[in-house]
Amino acid sequence: MISGILTAVLLAAFLALTAWAYSPRRRSRFAEAAALPLADDVRARADDAGAP
């Protein structure tokens, strides 16, 4: 009985988190976060290009 309730609660939490993560309002924020590693590469290349 308890395991069934716990399973239902965890499933609901998973579905809520998934809906939150894939909501259109979060898309721009996640796109910005996804570009962060690339920004470091661009900055490093700019520093290398300006070095004597």
PDB file of N, CA and C in Angstrom:
ATOM      1  N   MET A   1       0.826  -1.198   0.000  1.00  0.00           N
ATOM      2  CA  MET A   1       0.000   0.000   0.000  1.00  0.00           C
ATOM      3  C   MET A   1       0.870   1.263   0.000  1.00  0.00           C
ATOM      4  N   ILE A   2       1.822   1.319   0.918  1.00  0.00           N
ATOM      5  CA  ILE A   2       2.692   2.488   1.010  1.00  0.00           C
ATOM      6  C   ILE A   2       3.561   2.607  -0.244  1.00  0.00           C
ATOM      7  N   SER A   3       4.040   1.482  -0.763  1.00  0.00           N
ATOM      8  CA  SER A   3       4.896   1.542  -1.951  1.00  0.00           C
ATOM      9  C   SER A   3       4.119   2.063  -3.161  1.00  0.00           C
ATOM     10  N   GLY A   4       2.855   1.743  -3.259  1.00  0.00           N
ATOM     11  CA  GLY A   4       2.029   2.255  -4.353  1.00  0.00           C
ATOM     12  C   GLY A   4       1.828   3.757  -4.252  1.00  0.00           C
ATOM     13  N   ILE A   5       1.610   4.238  -3.045  1.00  0.00           N
ATOM     14  CA  ILE A   5       1.446   5.676  -2.826  1.00  0.00           C
ATOM     15  C   ILE A   5       2.752   6.400  -3.135  1.00  0.00           C
ATOM     16  N   LEU A   6       3.853   5.840  -2.661  1.00  0.00           N
ATOM     17  CA  LEU A   6       5.157   6.445  -2.917  1.00  0.00           C
ATOM     18  C   LEU A   6       5.459   6.476  -4.414  1.00  0.00           C
ATOM     19  N   THR A   7       5.133   5.413  -5.116  1.00  0.00           N
ATOM     20  CA  THR A   7       5.333   5.370  -6.563  1.00  0.00           C
ATOM     21  C   THR A   7       4.509   6.450  -7.251  1.00  0.00           C
ATOM     22  N   ALA A   8       3.263   6.617  -6.843  1.00  0.00           N
ATOM     23  CA  ALA A   8       2.399   7.636  -7.436  1.00  0.00           C
ATOM     24  C   ALA A   8       2.924   9.043  -7.161  1.00  0.00           C
ATOM     25  N   VAL A   9       3.400   9.277  -5.955  1.00  0.00           N
ATOM     26  CA  VAL A   9       3.944  10.595  -5.604  1.00  0.00           C
ATOM     27  C   VAL A   9       5.203  10.887  -6.418  1.00  0.00           C
ATOM     28  N   LEU A  10       6.091   9.917  -6.525  1.00  0.00           N
ATOM     29  CA  LEU A  10       7.321  10.117  -7.294  1.00  0.00           C
ATOM     30  C   LEU A  10       7.032  10.289  -8.784  1.00  0.00           C
ATOM     31  N   LEU A  11       6.061   9.567  -9.309  1.00  0.00           N
ATOM     32  CA  LEU A  11       5.673   9.731 -10.706  1.00  0.00           C
ATOM     33  C   LEU A  11       5.117  11.130 -10.940  1.00  0.00           C
ATOM     34  N   ALA A  12       4.280  11.603 -10.027  1.00  0.00           N
ATOM     35  CA  ALA A  12       3.731  12.956 -10.149  1.00  0.00           C
ATOM     36  C   ALA A  12       4.840  14.001 -10.081  1.00  0.00           C
ATOM     37  N   ALA A  13       5.807  13.806  -9.193  1.00  0.00           N
ATOM     38  CA  ALA A  13       6.928  14.746  -9.088  1.00  0.00           C
ATOM     39  C   ALA A  13       7.757  14.736 -10.367  1.00  0.00           C
ATOM     40  N   PHE A  14       8.003  13.575 -10.921  1.00  0.00           N
ATOM     41  CA  PHE A  14       8.759  13.466 -12.168  1.00  0.00           C
ATOM     42  C   PHE A  14       8.030  14.167 -13.311  1.00  0.00           C
ATOM     43  N   LEU A  15       6.735  13.943 -13.424  1.00  0.00           N
ATOM     44  CA  LEU A  15       5.963  14.574 -14.492  1.00  0.00           C
ATOM     45  C   LEU A  15       5.920  16.091 -14.326  1.00  0.00           C
ATOM     46  N   ALA A  16       5.802  16.558 -13.091  1.00  0.00           N
ATOM     47  CA  ALA A  16       5.793  18.004 -12.841  1.00  0.00           C
ATOM     48  C   ALA A  16       7.139  18.625 -13.195  1.00  0.00           C
ATOM     49  N   LEU A  17       8.215  17.968 -12.824  1.00  0.00           N
ATOM     50  CA  LEU A  17       9.552  18.478 -13.138  1.00  0.00           C
ATOM     51  C   LEU A  17       9.796  18.477 -14.643  1.00  0.00           C
ATOM     52  N   THR A  18       9.354  17.453 -15.318  1.00  0.00           N
ATOM     53  CA  THR A  18       9.502  17.378 -16.767  1.00  0.00           C
ATOM     54  C   THR A  18       8.702  18.485 -17.451  1.00  0.00           C
ATOM     55  N   ALA A  19       7.477  18.711 -16.985  1.00  0.00           N
ATOM     56  CA  ALA A  19       6.656  19.783 -17.557  1.00  0.00           C
ATOM     57  C   ALA A  19       7.306  21.142 -17.315  1.00  0.00           C
ATOM     58  N   TRP A  20       7.890  21.339 -16.143  1.00  0.00           N
ATOM     59  CA  TRP A  20       8.566  22.602 -15.837  1.00  0.00           C
ATOM     60  C   TRP A  20       9.782  22.796 -16.747  1.00  0.00           C
ATOM     61  N   ALA A  21      10.565  21.748 -16.914  1.00  0.00           N
ATOM     62  CA  ALA A  21      11.800  21.856 -17.695  1.00  0.00           C
ATOM     63  C   ALA A  21      11.525  22.105 -19.174  1.00  0.00           C
ATOM     64  N   TYR A  22      10.469  21.542 -19.699  1.00  0.00           N
ATOM     65  CA  TYR A  22      10.169  21.686 -21.117  1.00  0.00           C
ATOM     66  C   TYR A  22       9.146  22.774 -21.412  1.00  0.00           C
ATOM     67  N   SER A  23       8.808  23.592 -20.434  1.00  0.00           N
ATOM     68  CA  SER A  23       7.841  24.656 -20.675  1.00  0.00           C
ATOM     69  C   SER A  23       8.470  25.728 -21.562  1.00  0.00           C
ATOM     70  N   PRO A  24       7.690  26.332 -22.421  1.00  0.00           N
ATOM     71  CA  PRO A  24       8.225  27.345 -23.337  1.00  0.00           C
ATOM     72  C   PRO A  24       8.843  28.547 -22.617  1.00  0.00           C
ATOM     73  N   ARG A  25       8.380  28.859 -21.427  1.00  0.00           N
ATOM     74  CA  ARG A  25       8.934  30.001 -20.695  1.00  0.00           C
ATOM     75  C   ARG A  25      10.380  29.773 -20.294  1.00  0.00           C
ATOM     76  N   ARG A  26      10.802  28.533 -20.156  1.00  0.00           N
ATOM     77  CA  ARG A  26      12.162  28.217 -19.730  1.00  0.00           C
ATOM     78  C   ARG A  26      13.126  28.044 -20.899  1.00  0.00           C
ATOM     79  N   ARG A  27      12.613  27.988 -22.106  1.00  0.00           N
ATOM     80  CA  ARG A  27      13.443  27.671 -23.268  1.00  0.00           C
ATOM     81  C   ARG A  27      14.596  28.658 -23.440  1.00  0.00           C
ATOM     82  N   SER A  28      14.325  29.951 -23.336  1.00  0.00           N
ATOM     83  CA  SER A  28      15.393  30.933 -23.548  1.00  0.00           C
ATOM     84  C   SER A  28      16.448  30.854 -22.451  1.00  0.00           C
ATOM     85  N   ARG A  29      16.021  30.601 -21.234  1.00  0.00           N
ATOM     86  CA  ARG A  29      16.985  30.498 -20.132  1.00  0.00           C
ATOM     87  C   ARG A  29      17.886  29.279 -20.318  1.00  0.00           C
ATOM     88  N   PHE A  30      17.314  28.159 -20.714  1.00  0.00           N
ATOM     89  CA  PHE A  30      18.110  26.954 -20.920  1.00  0.00           C
ATOM     90  C   PHE A  30      19.003  27.091 -22.151  1.00  0.00           C
ATOM     91  N   ALA A  31      18.542  27.790 -23.175  1.00  0.00           N
ATOM     92  CA  ALA A  31      19.379  28.019 -24.359  1.00  0.00           C
ATOM     93  C   ALA A  31      20.590  28.869 -23.988  1.00  0.00           C
ATOM     94  N   GLU A  32      20.376  29.855 -23.139  1.00  0.00           N
ATOM     95  CA  GLU A  32      21.490  30.686 -22.672  1.00  0.00           C
ATOM     96  C   GLU A  32      22.475  29.859 -21.853  1.00  0.00           C
ATOM     97  N   ALA A  33      21.968  29.001 -20.990  1.00  0.00           N
ATOM     98  CA  ALA A  33      22.837  28.153 -20.171  1.00  0.00           C
ATOM     99  C   ALA A  33      23.591  27.144 -21.037  1.00  0.00           C
ATOM    100  N   ALA A  34      22.961  26.667 -22.098  1.00  0.00           N
ATOM    101  CA  ALA A  34      23.618  25.701 -22.974  1.00  0.00           C
ATOM    102  C   ALA A  34      24.771  26.335 -23.745  1.00  0.00           C
ATOM    103  N   ALA A  35      24.713  27.640 -23.961  1.00  0.00           N
ATOM    104  CA  ALA A  35      25.760  28.329 -24.715  1.00  0.00           C
ATOM    105  C   ALA A  35      26.935  28.746 -23.838  1.00  0.00           C
ATOM    106  N   LEU A  36      26.840  28.618 -22.536  1.00  0.00           N
ATOM    107  CA  LEU A  36      27.917  29.059 -21.648  1.00  0.00           C
ATOM    108  C   LEU A  36      29.265  28.397 -21.933  1.00  0.00           C
ATOM    109  N   PRO A  37      29.356  27.088 -22.140  1.00  0.00           N
ATOM    110  CA  PRO A  37      30.669  26.493 -22.445  1.00  0.00           C
ATOM    111  C   PRO A  37      31.263  27.034 -23.739  1.00  0.00           C
ATOM    112  N   LEU A  38      30.437  27.341 -24.705  1.00  0.00           N
ATOM    113  CA  LEU A  38      30.926  27.874 -25.973  1.00  0.00           C
ATOM    114  C   LEU A  38      31.421  29.301 -25.813  1.00  0.00           C
ATOM    115  N   ALA A  39      30.840  30.050 -24.906  1.00  0.00           N
ATOM    116  CA  ALA A  39      31.267  31.431 -24.675  1.00  0.00           C
ATOM    117  C   ALA A  39      32.697  31.462 -24.159  1.00  0.00           C
ATOM    118  N   ASP A  40      33.075  30.497 -23.344  1.00  0.00           N
ATOM    119  CA  ASP A  40      34.449  30.429 -22.858  1.00  0.00           C
ATOM    120  C   ASP A  40      35.422  30.192 -24.007  1.00  0.00           C
ATOM    121  N   ASP A  41      35.055  29.351 -24.964  1.00  0.00           N
ATOM    122  CA  ASP A  41      35.920  29.090 -26.117  1.00  0.00           C
ATOM    123  C   ASP A  41      36.088  30.343 -26.970  1.00  0.00           C
ATOM    124  N   VAL A  42      35.012  31.065 -27.176  1.00  0.00           N
ATOM    125  CA  VAL A  42      35.075  32.282 -27.985  1.00  0.00           C
ATOM    126  C   VAL A  42      35.960  33.308 -27.293  1.00  0.00           C
ATOM    127  N   ARG A  43      35.814  33.447 -25.986  1.00  0.00           N
ATOM    128  CA  ARG A  43      36.629  34.393 -25.233  1.00  0.00           C
ATOM    129  C   ARG A  43      38.104  33.988 -25.275  1.00  0.00           C
ATOM    130  N   ALA A  44      38.395  32.697 -25.175  1.00  0.00           N
ATOM    131  CA  ALA A  44      39.781  32.223 -25.213  1.00  0.00           C
ATOM    132  C   ALA A  44      40.404  32.474 -26.584  1.00  0.00           C
ATOM    133  N   ARG A  45      39.643  32.275 -27.641  1.00  0.00           N
ATOM    134  CA  ARG A  45      40.158  32.541 -28.989  1.00  0.00           C
ATOM    135  C   ARG A  45      40.447  34.023 -29.176  1.00  0.00           C
ATOM    136  N   ALA A  46      39.585  34.868 -28.634  1.00  0.00           N
ATOM    137  CA  ALA A  46      39.798  36.310 -28.745  1.00  0.00           C
ATOM    138  C   ALA A  46      41.059  36.714 -27.993  1.00  0.00           C
ATOM    139  N   ASP A  47      41.293  36.108 -26.843  1.00  0.00           N
ATOM    140  CA  ASP A  47      42.507  36.404 -26.080  1.00  0.00           C
ATOM    141  C   ASP A  47      43.749  35.929 -26.829  1.00  0.00           C
ATOM    142  N   ASP A  48      43.664  34.752 -27.456  1.00  0.00           N
ATOM    143  CA  ASP A  48      44.801  34.223 -28.213  1.00  0.00           C
ATOM    144  C   ASP A  48      45.102  35.082 -29.440  1.00  0.00           C
ATOM    145  N   ALA A  49      44.072  35.595 -30.074  1.00  0.00           N
ATOM    146  CA  ALA A  49      44.263  36.408 -31.273  1.00  0.00           C
ATOM    147  C   ALA A  49      44.917  37.745 -30.936  1.00  0.00           C
ATOM    148  N   GLY A  50      44.662  38.252 -29.749  1.00  0.00           N
ATOM    149  CA  GLY A  50      45.231  39.530 -29.363  1.00  0.00           C
ATOM    150  C   GLY A  50      46.589  39.419 -28.709  1.00  0.00           C
ATOM    151  N   ALA A  51      47.062  38.198 -28.453  1.00  0.00           N
ATOM    152  CA  ALA A  51      48.359  38.011 -27.791  1.00  0.00           C
ATOM    153  C   ALA A  51      49.491  38.248 -28.786  1.00  0.00           C
ATOM    154  N   PRO A  52      50.588  38.811 -28.322  1.00  0.00           N
ATOM    155  CA  PRO A  52      51.718  39.062 -29.233  1.00  0.00           C
ATOM    156  C   PRO A  52      52.442  37.806 -29.623  1.00  0.00           C
TER     157      PRO A  52
END
